[in-house]
PDB file of N, CA and C in Angstrom:
ATOM      1  N   MET A   1      -6.468  -6.260   4.219  1.00  0.00           N
ATOM      2  CA  MET A   1      -6.114  -4.505   4.714  1.00  0.00           C
ATOM      3  C   MET A   1      -4.539  -4.614   4.800  1.00  0.00           C
ATOM      4  N   ARG A   2      -3.821  -5.950   5.334  1.00  0.00           N
ATOM      5  CA  ARG A   2      -2.369  -5.344   5.164  1.00  0.00           C
ATOM      6  C   ARG A   2      -1.835  -4.836   4.003  1.00  0.00           C
ATOM      7  N   MET A   3      -2.557  -5.290   2.632  1.00  0.00           N
ATOM      8  CA  MET A   3      -1.980  -4.499   1.729  1.00  0.00           C
ATOM      9  C   MET A   3      -2.152  -3.633   1.094  1.00  0.00           C
ATOM     10  N   LEU A   4      -3.228  -2.875   1.662  1.00  0.00           N
ATOM     11  CA  LEU A   4      -3.681  -1.552   2.299  1.00  0.00           C
ATOM     12  C   LEU A   4      -2.699  -0.526   2.585  1.00  0.00           C
ATOM     13  N   SER A   5      -2.201  -1.194   4.012  1.00  0.00           N
ATOM     14  CA  SER A   5      -1.123  -0.409   4.255  1.00  0.00           C
ATOM     15  C   SER A   5       0.185  -0.698   4.097  1.00  0.00           C
ATOM     16  N   PHE A   6       0.513  -1.661   3.552  1.00  0.00           N
ATOM     17  CA  PHE A   6       1.443  -1.506   2.518  1.00  0.00           C
ATOM     18  C   PHE A   6       1.553  -0.841   1.540  1.00  0.00           C
ATOM     19  N   ALA A   7       0.294  -0.523   0.858  1.00  0.00           N
ATOM     20  CA  ALA A   7       0.362   0.761  -0.279  1.00  0.00           C
ATOM     21  C   ALA A   7       0.360   1.804  -0.014  1.00  0.00           C
ATOM     22  N   ILE A   8       0.197   2.061   1.503  1.00  0.00           N
ATOM     23  CA  ILE A   8       0.355   3.301   1.532  1.00  0.00           C
ATOM     24  C   ILE A   8       1.821   4.167   2.105  1.00  0.00           C
ATOM     25  N   VAL A   9       1.921   2.924   3.205  1.00  0.00           N
ATOM     26  CA  VAL A   9       3.555   3.051   3.355  1.00  0.00           C
ATOM     27  C   VAL A   9       4.351   3.084   2.133  1.00  0.00           C
ATOM     28  N   ILE A  10       4.592   2.588   1.190  1.00  0.00           N
ATOM     29  CA  ILE A  10       5.282   2.266   0.167  1.00  0.00           C
ATOM     30  C   ILE A  10       4.981   3.819  -0.696  1.00  0.00           C
ATOM     31  N   ALA A  11       3.880   3.745  -0.784  1.00  0.00           N
ATOM     32  CA  ALA A  11       3.803   4.950  -1.646  1.00  0.00           C
ATOM     33  C   ALA A  11       3.871   6.560  -1.232  1.00  0.00           C
ATOM     34  N   LEU A  12       3.899   6.414   0.246  1.00  0.00           N
ATOM     35  CA  LEU A  12       4.657   7.920   0.451  1.00  0.00           C
ATOM     36  C   LEU A  12       5.767   7.518   1.159  1.00  0.00           C
ATOM     37  N   GLY A  13       6.396   6.804   0.980  1.00  0.00           N
ATOM     38  CA  GLY A  13       8.008   6.809   1.224  1.00  0.00           C
ATOM     39  C   GLY A  13       8.284   6.939   2.468  1.00  0.00           C
ATOM     40  N   PHE A  14       7.742   6.369   3.765  1.00  0.00           N
ATOM     41  CA  PHE A  14       7.752   6.411   5.017  1.00  0.00           C
ATOM     42  C   PHE A  14       8.853   5.533   5.646  1.00  0.00           C
ATOM     43  N   THR A  15       9.518   5.036   4.854  1.00  0.00           N
ATOM     44  CA  THR A  15      10.712   4.418   5.205  1.00  0.00           C
ATOM     45  C   THR A  15      12.046   5.399   5.449  1.00  0.00           C
ATOM     46  N   GLY A  16      11.927   6.630   4.417  1.00  0.00           N
ATOM     47  CA  GLY A  16      12.520   7.497   4.843  1.00  0.00           C
ATOM     48  C   GLY A  16      12.788   8.389   5.718  1.00  0.00           C
ATOM     49  N   PRO A  17      13.373  10.111   5.873  1.00  0.00           N
ATOM     50  CA  PRO A  17      13.651  10.654   7.049  1.00  0.00           C
ATOM     51  C   PRO A  17      12.384  11.361   6.973  1.00  0.00           C
ATOM     52  N   ALA A  18      12.354  12.127   8.641  1.00  0.00           N
ATOM     53  CA  ALA A  18      11.092  12.667   8.421  1.00  0.00           C
ATOM     54  C   ALA A  18       9.851  13.756   7.674  1.00  0.00           C
ATOM     55  N   PHE A  19       9.393  14.321   8.006  1.00  0.00           N
ATOM     56  CA  PHE A  19       8.363  14.873   7.222  1.00  0.00           C
ATOM     57  C   PHE A  19       8.073  16.461   7.872  1.00  0.00           C
ATOM     58  N   ALA A  20       7.293  17.197   7.449  1.00  0.00           N
ATOM     59  CA  ALA A  20       6.682  18.368   7.997  1.00  0.00           C
ATOM     60  C   ALA A  20       5.998  18.060   9.259  1.00  0.00           C
ATOM     61  N   GLU A  21       5.673  18.758  10.121  1.00  0.00           N
ATOM     62  CA  GLU A  21       4.636  18.867  11.379  1.00  0.00           C
ATOM     63  C   GLU A  21       3.605  18.006  10.731  1.00  0.00           C
ATOM     64  N   LYS A  22       2.907  19.041   9.730  1.00  0.00           N
ATOM     65  CA  LYS A  22       1.166  18.643   9.606  1.00  0.00           C
ATOM     66  C   LYS A  22       1.152  19.002   7.888  1.00  0.00           C
ATOM     67  N   SER A  23       0.830  18.195   7.364  1.00  0.00           N
ATOM     68  CA  SER A  23       0.636  18.432   5.862  1.00  0.00           C
ATOM     69  C   SER A  23      -1.010  18.635   5.323  1.00  0.00           C
ATOM     70  N   VAL A  24      -0.852  19.181   3.966  1.00  0.00           N
ATOM     71  CA  VAL A  24      -2.173  19.219   3.437  1.00  0.00           C
ATOM     72  C   VAL A  24      -2.661  17.793   3.280  1.00  0.00           C
ATOM     73  N   GLU A  25      -3.894  17.299   2.820  1.00  0.00           N
ATOM     74  CA  GLU A  25      -4.698  16.647   2.482  1.00  0.00           C
ATOM     75  C   GLU A  25      -3.981  16.063   1.175  1.00  0.00           C
ATOM     76  N   LYS A  26      -3.781  14.908   1.055  1.00  0.00           N
ATOM     77  CA  LYS A  26      -2.886  14.438  -0.309  1.00  0.00           C
ATOM     78  C   LYS A  26      -3.788  13.226  -0.580  1.00  0.00           C
ATOM     79  N   SER A  27      -3.629  12.884  -2.146  1.00  0.00           N
ATOM     80  CA  SER A  27      -4.403  11.471  -2.569  1.00  0.00           C
ATOM     81  C   SER A  27      -3.453  10.708  -3.481  1.00  0.00           C
ATOM     82  N   PHE A  28      -3.471   9.327  -3.419  1.00  0.00           N
ATOM     83  CA  PHE A  28      -2.935   8.501  -4.611  1.00  0.00           C
ATOM     84  C   PHE A  28      -3.909   7.659  -4.804  1.00  0.00           C
ATOM     85  N   ASP A  29      -3.836   6.954  -5.992  1.00  0.00           N
ATOM     86  CA  ASP A  29      -4.668   5.894  -6.374  1.00  0.00           C
ATOM     87  C   ASP A  29      -3.487   5.017  -6.871  1.00  0.00           C
ATOM     88  N   HIS A  30      -4.279   3.276  -6.254  1.00  0.00           N
ATOM     89  CA  HIS A  30      -3.540   2.271  -6.562  1.00  0.00           C
ATOM     90  C   HIS A  30      -4.526   0.941  -7.019  1.00  0.00           C
ATOM     91  N   ASP A  31      -4.028   0.370  -7.408  1.00  0.00           N
ATOM     92  CA  ASP A  31      -5.030  -1.013  -7.995  1.00  0.00           C
ATOM     93  C   ASP A  31      -6.498  -0.439  -7.800  1.00  0.00           C
ATOM     94  N   GLY A  32      -6.792   0.440  -8.641  1.00  0.00           N
ATOM     95  CA  GLY A  32      -8.327   1.207  -8.038  1.00  0.00           C
ATOM     96  C   GLY A  32      -9.095   1.696  -7.182  1.00  0.00           C
ATOM     97  N   THR A  33      -8.186   1.536  -6.374  1.00  0.00           N
ATOM     98  CA  THR A  33      -8.466   2.295  -5.174  1.00  0.00           C
ATOM     99  C   THR A  33      -8.054   3.717  -4.958  1.00  0.00           C
ATOM    100  N   THR A  34      -8.809   4.815  -4.388  1.00  0.00           N
ATOM    101  CA  THR A  34      -7.989   6.176  -4.164  1.00  0.00           C
ATOM    102  C   THR A  34      -7.885   6.376  -2.636  1.00  0.00           C
ATOM    103  N   TYR A  35      -6.802   6.523  -2.276  1.00  0.00           N
ATOM    104  CA  TYR A  35      -6.554   7.032  -0.902  1.00  0.00           C
ATOM    105  C   TYR A  35      -6.376   8.507  -0.654  1.00  0.00           C
ATOM    106  N   VAL A  36      -7.256   9.134   0.327  1.00  0.00           N
ATOM    107  CA  VAL A  36      -6.968  10.474   0.743  1.00  0.00           C
ATOM    108  C   VAL A  36      -6.647  10.232   2.163  1.00  0.00           C
ATOM    109  N   TYR A  37      -5.391  11.087   2.685  1.00  0.00           N
ATOM    110  CA  TYR A  37      -4.821  11.099   3.643  1.00  0.00           C
ATOM    111  C   TYR A  37      -4.120  12.515   4.165  1.00  0.00           C
ATOM    112  N   GLN A  38      -3.789  12.704   5.243  1.00  0.00           N
ATOM    113  CA  GLN A  38      -2.884  13.746   5.769  1.00  0.00           C
ATOM    114  C   GLN A  38      -2.100  12.711   6.252  1.00  0.00           C
ATOM    115  N   THR A  39      -0.687  13.536   6.815  1.00  0.00           N
ATOM    116  CA  THR A  39       0.331  13.063   7.477  1.00  0.00           C
ATOM    117  C   THR A  39       0.674  14.127   8.561  1.00  0.00           C
ATOM    118  N   GLU A  40       1.324  13.620   9.510  1.00  0.00           N
ATOM    119  CA  GLU A  40       1.965  14.555  10.780  1.00  0.00           C
ATOM    120  C   GLU A  40       2.744  13.490  11.643  1.00  0.00           C
ATOM    121  N   ALA A  41       3.974  14.594  12.271  1.00  0.00           N
ATOM    122  CA  ALA A  41       4.971  14.072  12.923  1.00  0.00           C
ATOM    123  C   ALA A  41       4.031  14.628  14.275  1.00  0.00           C
ATOM    124  N   LYS A  42       4.573  13.188  15.556  1.00  0.00           N
ATOM    125  CA  LYS A  42       3.782  12.869  16.462  1.00  0.00           C
ATOM    126  C   LYS A  42       4.503  12.168  17.553  1.00  0.00           C
ATOM    127  N   ASN A  43       5.146  13.198  18.714  1.00  0.00           N
ATOM    128  CA  ASN A  43       5.824  12.252  19.478  1.00  0.00           C
ATOM    129  C   ASN A  43       6.844  11.606  18.540  1.00  0.00           C
ATOM    130  N   ASN A  44       7.866  11.323  17.879  1.00  0.00           N
ATOM    131  CA  ASN A  44       8.904  10.847  17.039  1.00  0.00           C
ATOM    132  C   ASN A  44       8.466   9.653  16.240  1.00  0.00           C
ATOM    133  N   ALA A  45       7.172   9.870  16.038  1.00  0.00           N
ATOM    134  CA  ALA A  45       5.984   8.954  15.230  1.00  0.00           C
ATOM    135  C   ALA A  45       5.976   9.942  13.722  1.00  0.00           C
ATOM    136  N   LYS A  46       5.403   8.701  12.905  1.00  0.00           N
ATOM    137  CA  LYS A  46       4.874   9.473  11.691  1.00  0.00           C
ATOM    138  C   LYS A  46       3.259   9.004  11.933  1.00  0.00           C
ATOM    139  N   VAL A  47       2.358   9.518  11.444  1.00  0.00           N
ATOM    140  CA  VAL A  47       1.253   9.336  11.592  1.00  0.00           C
ATOM    141  C   VAL A  47       0.173   9.322  10.683  1.00  0.00           C
ATOM    142  N   ILE A  48      -0.085   8.731  10.033  1.00  0.00           N
ATOM    143  CA  ILE A  48      -0.637   8.756   8.060  1.00  0.00           C
ATOM    144  C   ILE A  48      -2.281   8.394   8.682  1.00  0.00           C
ATOM    145  N   SER A  49      -3.137   9.323   8.505  1.00  0.00           N
ATOM    146  CA  SER A  49      -4.258   8.856   8.533  1.00  0.00           C
ATOM    147  C   SER A  49      -5.689   9.014   7.381  1.00  0.00           C
ATOM    148  N   GLY A  50      -6.736   8.617   7.317  1.00  0.00           N
ATOM    149  CA  GLY A  50      -7.350   9.143   6.455  1.00  0.00           C
ATOM    150  C   GLY A  50      -8.343   7.875   5.544  1.00  0.00           C
ATOM    151  N   ARG A  51      -9.078   8.412   4.866  1.00  0.00           N
ATOM    152  CA  ARG A  51      -9.774   7.052   3.703  1.00  0.00           C
ATOM    153  C   ARG A  51      -9.492   6.522   2.698  1.00  0.00           C
ATOM    154  N   ALA A  52     -10.131   5.300   2.360  1.00  0.00           N
ATOM    155  CA  ALA A  52      -9.987   4.680   1.005  1.00  0.00           C
ATOM    156  C   ALA A  52     -11.258   4.744   0.791  1.00  0.00           C
ATOM    157  N   PHE A  53     -11.189   5.261  -1.021  1.00  0.00           N
ATOM    158  CA  PHE A  53     -12.474   5.087  -1.366  1.00  0.00           C
ATOM    159  C   PHE A  53     -12.380   4.245  -3.010  1.00  0.00           C
ATOM    160  N   PRO A  54     -13.427   3.437  -3.704  1.00  0.00           N
ATOM    161  CA  PRO A  54     -14.800   3.949  -2.932  1.00  0.00           C
ATOM    162  C   PRO A  54     -14.715   2.686  -2.055  1.00  0.00           C
ATOM    163  N   GLY A  55     -15.828   3.176  -0.608  1.00  0.00           N
ATOM    164  CA  GLY A  55     -15.794   2.335   0.455  1.00  0.00           C
ATOM    165  C   GLY A  55     -15.830   3.556   1.722  1.00  0.00           C
ATOM    166  N   GLY A  56     -14.889   4.378   1.137  1.00  0.00           N
ATOM    167  CA  GLY A  56     -14.643   5.508   2.415  1.00  0.00           C
ATOM    168  C   GLY A  56     -14.477   4.875   3.358  1.00  0.00           C
ATOM    169  N   LYS A  57     -13.728   3.626   3.604  1.00  0.00           N
ATOM    170  CA  LYS A  57     -12.953   3.101   4.907  1.00  0.00           C
ATOM    171  C   LYS A  57     -11.881   3.740   5.657  1.00  0.00           C
ATOM    172  N   SER A  58     -11.844   3.971   6.923  1.00  0.00           N
ATOM    173  CA  SER A  58     -10.869   5.123   7.407  1.00  0.00           C
ATOM    174  C   SER A  58      -9.536   3.852   7.662  1.00  0.00           C
ATOM    175  N   PHE A  59      -8.366   4.845   7.838  1.00  0.00           N
ATOM    176  CA  PHE A  59      -7.013   4.150   8.329  1.00  0.00           C
ATOM    177  C   PHE A  59      -6.399   4.936   9.207  1.00  0.00           C
ATOM    178  N   ARG A  60      -5.428   4.488  10.105  1.00  0.00           N
ATOM    179  CA  ARG A  60      -4.661   5.566  10.812  1.00  0.00           C
ATOM    180  C   ARG A  60      -3.595   4.809  11.342  1.00  0.00           C
ATOM    181  N   LEU A  61      -2.620   4.701  10.417  1.00  0.00           N
ATOM    182  CA  LEU A  61      -0.989   3.781  10.517  1.00  0.00           C
ATOM    183  C   LEU A  61      -0.414   5.118  11.367  1.00  0.00           C
ATOM    184  N   VAL A  62       0.479   4.652  12.329  1.00  0.00           N
ATOM    185  CA  VAL A  62       1.533   5.110  13.019  1.00  0.00           C
ATOM    186  C   VAL A  62       3.306   4.291  13.069  1.00  0.00           C
ATOM    187  N   VAL A  63       4.178   5.298  12.248  1.00  0.00           N
ATOM    188  CA  VAL A  63       5.312   4.397  11.386  1.00  0.00           C
ATOM    189  C   VAL A  63       6.465   5.036  12.764  1.00  0.00           C
ATOM    190  N   ALA A  64       6.950   3.907  13.421  1.00  0.00           N
ATOM    191  CA  ALA A  64       7.963   4.458  14.120  1.00  0.00           C
ATOM    192  C   ALA A  64       8.822   2.957  14.824  1.00  0.00           C
ATOM    193  N   ASN A  65       9.939   3.624  15.257  1.00  0.00           N
ATOM    194  CA  ASN A  65      10.683   2.733  15.113  1.00  0.00           C
ATOM    195  C   ASN A  65      11.039   1.218  14.818  1.00  0.00           C
ATOM    196  N   GLY A  66      10.898   1.478  13.248  1.00  0.00           N
ATOM    197  CA  GLY A  66      10.664   0.599  12.203  1.00  0.00           C
ATOM    198  C   GLY A  66       9.279  -0.439  12.253  1.00  0.00           C
ATOM    199  N   MET A  67       8.348   0.062  12.368  1.00  0.00           N
ATOM    200  CA  MET A  67       7.277  -0.970  12.962  1.00  0.00           C
ATOM    201  C   MET A  67       6.375   0.080  12.128  1.00  0.00           C
ATOM    202  N   VAL A  68       5.230  -0.312  11.613  1.00  0.00           N
ATOM    203  CA  VAL A  68       3.965   0.153  11.398  1.00  0.00           C
ATOM    204  C   VAL A  68       2.792  -0.457  12.401  1.00  0.00           C
ATOM    205  N   ARG A  69       2.115   0.460  13.303  1.00  0.00           N
ATOM    206  CA  ARG A  69       1.018  -0.165  13.978  1.00  0.00           C
ATOM    207  C   ARG A  69      -0.113   0.804  13.451  1.00  0.00           C
ATOM    208  N   GLY A  70      -1.237   0.287  13.407  1.00  0.00           N
ATOM    209  CA  GLY A  70      -2.766   1.175  13.722  1.00  0.00           C
ATOM    210  C   GLY A  70      -3.659   0.368  13.278  1.00  0.00           C
ATOM    211  N   VAL A  71      -4.990   1.279  12.790  1.00  0.00           N
ATOM    212  CA  VAL A  71      -6.054   0.177  12.296  1.00  0.00           C
ATOM    213  C   VAL A  71      -6.474   0.876  10.765  1.00  0.00           C
ATOM    214  N   SER A  72      -7.195  -0.266  10.130  1.00  0.00           N
ATOM    215  CA  SER A  72      -7.297  -0.054   8.728  1.00  0.00           C
ATOM    216  C   SER A  72      -8.381  -0.574   8.466  1.00  0.00           C
ATOM    217  N   GLY A  73      -9.784   0.130   8.215  1.00  0.00           N
ATOM    218  CA  GLY A  73     -10.982  -0.427   7.574  1.00  0.00           C
ATOM    219  C   GLY A  73     -11.499  -1.446   9.089  1.00  0.00           C
ATOM    220  N   GLY A  74     -11.304  -0.807  10.062  1.00  0.00           N
ATOM    221  CA  GLY A  74     -11.607  -1.526  11.533  1.00  0.00           C
ATOM    222  C   GLY A  74     -10.730  -2.587  12.018  1.00  0.00           C
ATOM    223  N   ALA A  75      -9.926  -3.092  11.052  1.00  0.00           N
ATOM    224  CA  ALA A  75      -8.811  -4.024  11.645  1.00  0.00           C
ATOM    225  C   ALA A  75      -7.676  -3.667  11.766  1.00  0.00           C
ATOM    226  N   PRO A  76      -7.030  -4.268  13.305  1.00  0.00           N
ATOM    227  CA  PRO A  76      -5.869  -3.808  13.351  1.00  0.00           C
ATOM    228  C   PRO A  76      -4.874  -4.370  12.484  1.00  0.00           C
ATOM    229  N   VAL A  77      -3.580  -3.778  12.515  1.00  0.00           N
ATOM    230  CA  VAL A  77      -2.707  -3.778  11.533  1.00  0.00           C
ATOM    231  C   VAL A  77      -1.097  -3.466  12.407  1.00  0.00           C
ATOM    232  N   SER A  78      -0.315  -4.438  11.996  1.00  0.00           N
ATOM    233  CA  SER A  78       1.143  -4.193  12.774  1.00  0.00           C
ATOM    234  C   SER A  78       1.795  -4.977  11.681  1.00  0.00           C
ATOM    235  N   PHE A  79       3.031  -4.595  11.349  1.00  0.00           N
ATOM    236  CA  PHE A  79       4.066  -4.808  10.297  1.00  0.00           C
ATOM    237  C   PHE A  79       5.574  -4.401  10.640  1.00  0.00           C
ATOM    238  N   ALA A  80       6.471  -4.906  10.128  1.00  0.00           N
ATOM    239  CA  ALA A  80       7.952  -4.233  10.325  1.00  0.00           C
ATOM    240  C   ALA A  80       7.882  -3.523   9.129  1.00  0.00           C
ATOM    241  N   LEU A  81       8.716  -2.325   9.074  1.00  0.00           N
ATOM    242  CA  LEU A  81       8.924  -1.604   7.705  1.00  0.00           C
ATOM    243  C   LEU A  81      10.111  -2.517   7.096  1.00  0.00           C
ATOM    244  N   ASN A  82      10.557  -3.582   7.234  1.00  0.00           N
ATOM    245  CA  ASN A  82      11.612  -4.392   6.308  1.00  0.00           C
ATOM    246  C   ASN A  82      10.919  -5.325   5.641  1.00  0.00           C
ATOM    247  N   ASP A  83       9.250  -5.477   6.025  1.00  0.00           N
ATOM    248  CA  ASP A  83       8.731  -6.280   5.447  1.00  0.00           C
ATOM    249  C   ASP A  83       7.835  -5.826   3.949  1.00  0.00           C
ATOM    250  N   VAL A  84       7.778  -4.556   3.846  1.00  0.00           N
ATOM    251  CA  VAL A  84       7.210  -3.797   2.946  1.00  0.00           C
ATOM    252  C   VAL A  84       8.328  -3.862   1.672  1.00  0.00           C
ATOM    253  N   LYS A  85       7.545  -4.175   0.727  1.00  0.00           N
ATOM    254  CA  LYS A  85       8.069  -4.548  -0.864  1.00  0.00           C
ATOM    255  C   LYS A  85       7.341  -3.650  -1.431  1.00  0.00           C
ATOM    256  N   PRO A  86       8.617  -3.053  -2.541  1.00  0.00           N
ATOM    257  CA  PRO A  86       8.082  -1.907  -3.477  1.00  0.00           C
ATOM    258  C   PRO A  86       6.753  -2.139  -4.168  1.00  0.00           C
ATOM    259  N   LEU A  87       5.839  -1.190  -4.252  1.00  0.00           N
ATOM    260  CA  LEU A  87       4.636  -1.282  -5.166  1.00  0.00           C
ATOM    261  C   LEU A  87       4.890  -1.552  -6.891  1.00  0.00           C
ATOM    262  N   LYS A  88       4.199  -2.574  -7.304  1.00  0.00           N
ATOM    263  CA  LYS A  88       4.903  -2.604  -8.796  1.00  0.00           C
ATOM    264  C   LYS A  88       4.303  -1.626  -9.911  1.00  0.00           C
ATOM    265  N   GLY A  89       4.450  -1.073 -10.479  1.00  0.00           N
ATOM    266  CA  GLY A  89       3.957  -0.209 -11.806  1.00  0.00           C
ATOM    267  C   GLY A  89       3.819   1.604 -10.551  1.00  0.00           C
ATOM    268  N   ALA A  90       3.434   2.568 -11.276  1.00  0.00           N
ATOM    269  CA  ALA A  90       3.545   3.854 -11.008  1.00  0.00           C
ATOM    270  C   ALA A  90       2.275   4.332 -10.049  1.00  0.00           C
ATOM    271  N   VAL A  91       2.820   5.115  -9.062  1.00  0.00           N
ATOM    272  CA  VAL A  91       1.915   5.351  -8.168  1.00  0.00           C
ATOM    273  C   VAL A  91       2.297   6.853  -8.194  1.00  0.00           C
ATOM    274  N   LYS A  92       0.824   7.611  -8.700  1.00  0.00           N
ATOM    275  CA  LYS A  92       0.634   9.096  -9.072  1.00  0.00           C
ATOM    276  C   LYS A  92      -0.319   9.973  -7.525  1.00  0.00           C
ATOM    277  N   ILE A  93       0.865  10.754  -6.977  1.00  0.00           N
ATOM    278  CA  ILE A  93       0.565  11.286  -5.580  1.00  0.00           C
ATOM    279  C   ILE A  93      -0.150  12.732  -5.938  1.00  0.00           C
ATOM    280  N   SER A  94      -1.297  13.077  -5.730  1.00  0.00           N
ATOM    281  CA  SER A  94      -1.675  14.670  -5.655  1.00  0.00           C
ATOM    282  C   SER A  94      -1.655  15.439  -4.208  1.00  0.00           C
ATOM    283  N   MET A  95      -1.257  16.412  -4.680  1.00  0.00           N
ATOM    284  CA  MET A  95      -2.110  17.558  -3.588  1.00  0.00           C
ATOM    285  C   MET A  95      -3.378  18.011  -3.306  1.00  0.00           C
ATOM    286  N   ARG A  96      -4.223  18.302  -2.240  1.00  0.00           N
ATOM    287  CA  ARG A  96      -5.288  18.839  -2.603  1.00  0.00           C
ATOM    288  C   ARG A  96      -5.596  20.228  -1.963  1.00  0.00           C
TER     289      ARG A  96
END
């Protein structure tokens, strides 16, 4: 589950500046998994929520104060943004 969370945070570039209030649905592929997600700014945090396919497991991550916390596939996740390492290879992100 932690790798899924790392993949999402890295692919979406959430170590950088704030983003739009509410986004359209987007997706990206990594290691044979397609992540479909939306982002929003909420209470000085960045919220990433969506599903990973195949399987349709849901995730919800809150990025704030240098930490990522949330739930991925029903399991709690929590890690520092400093722990995130770049993904190997290209990640293609598409908007829906």
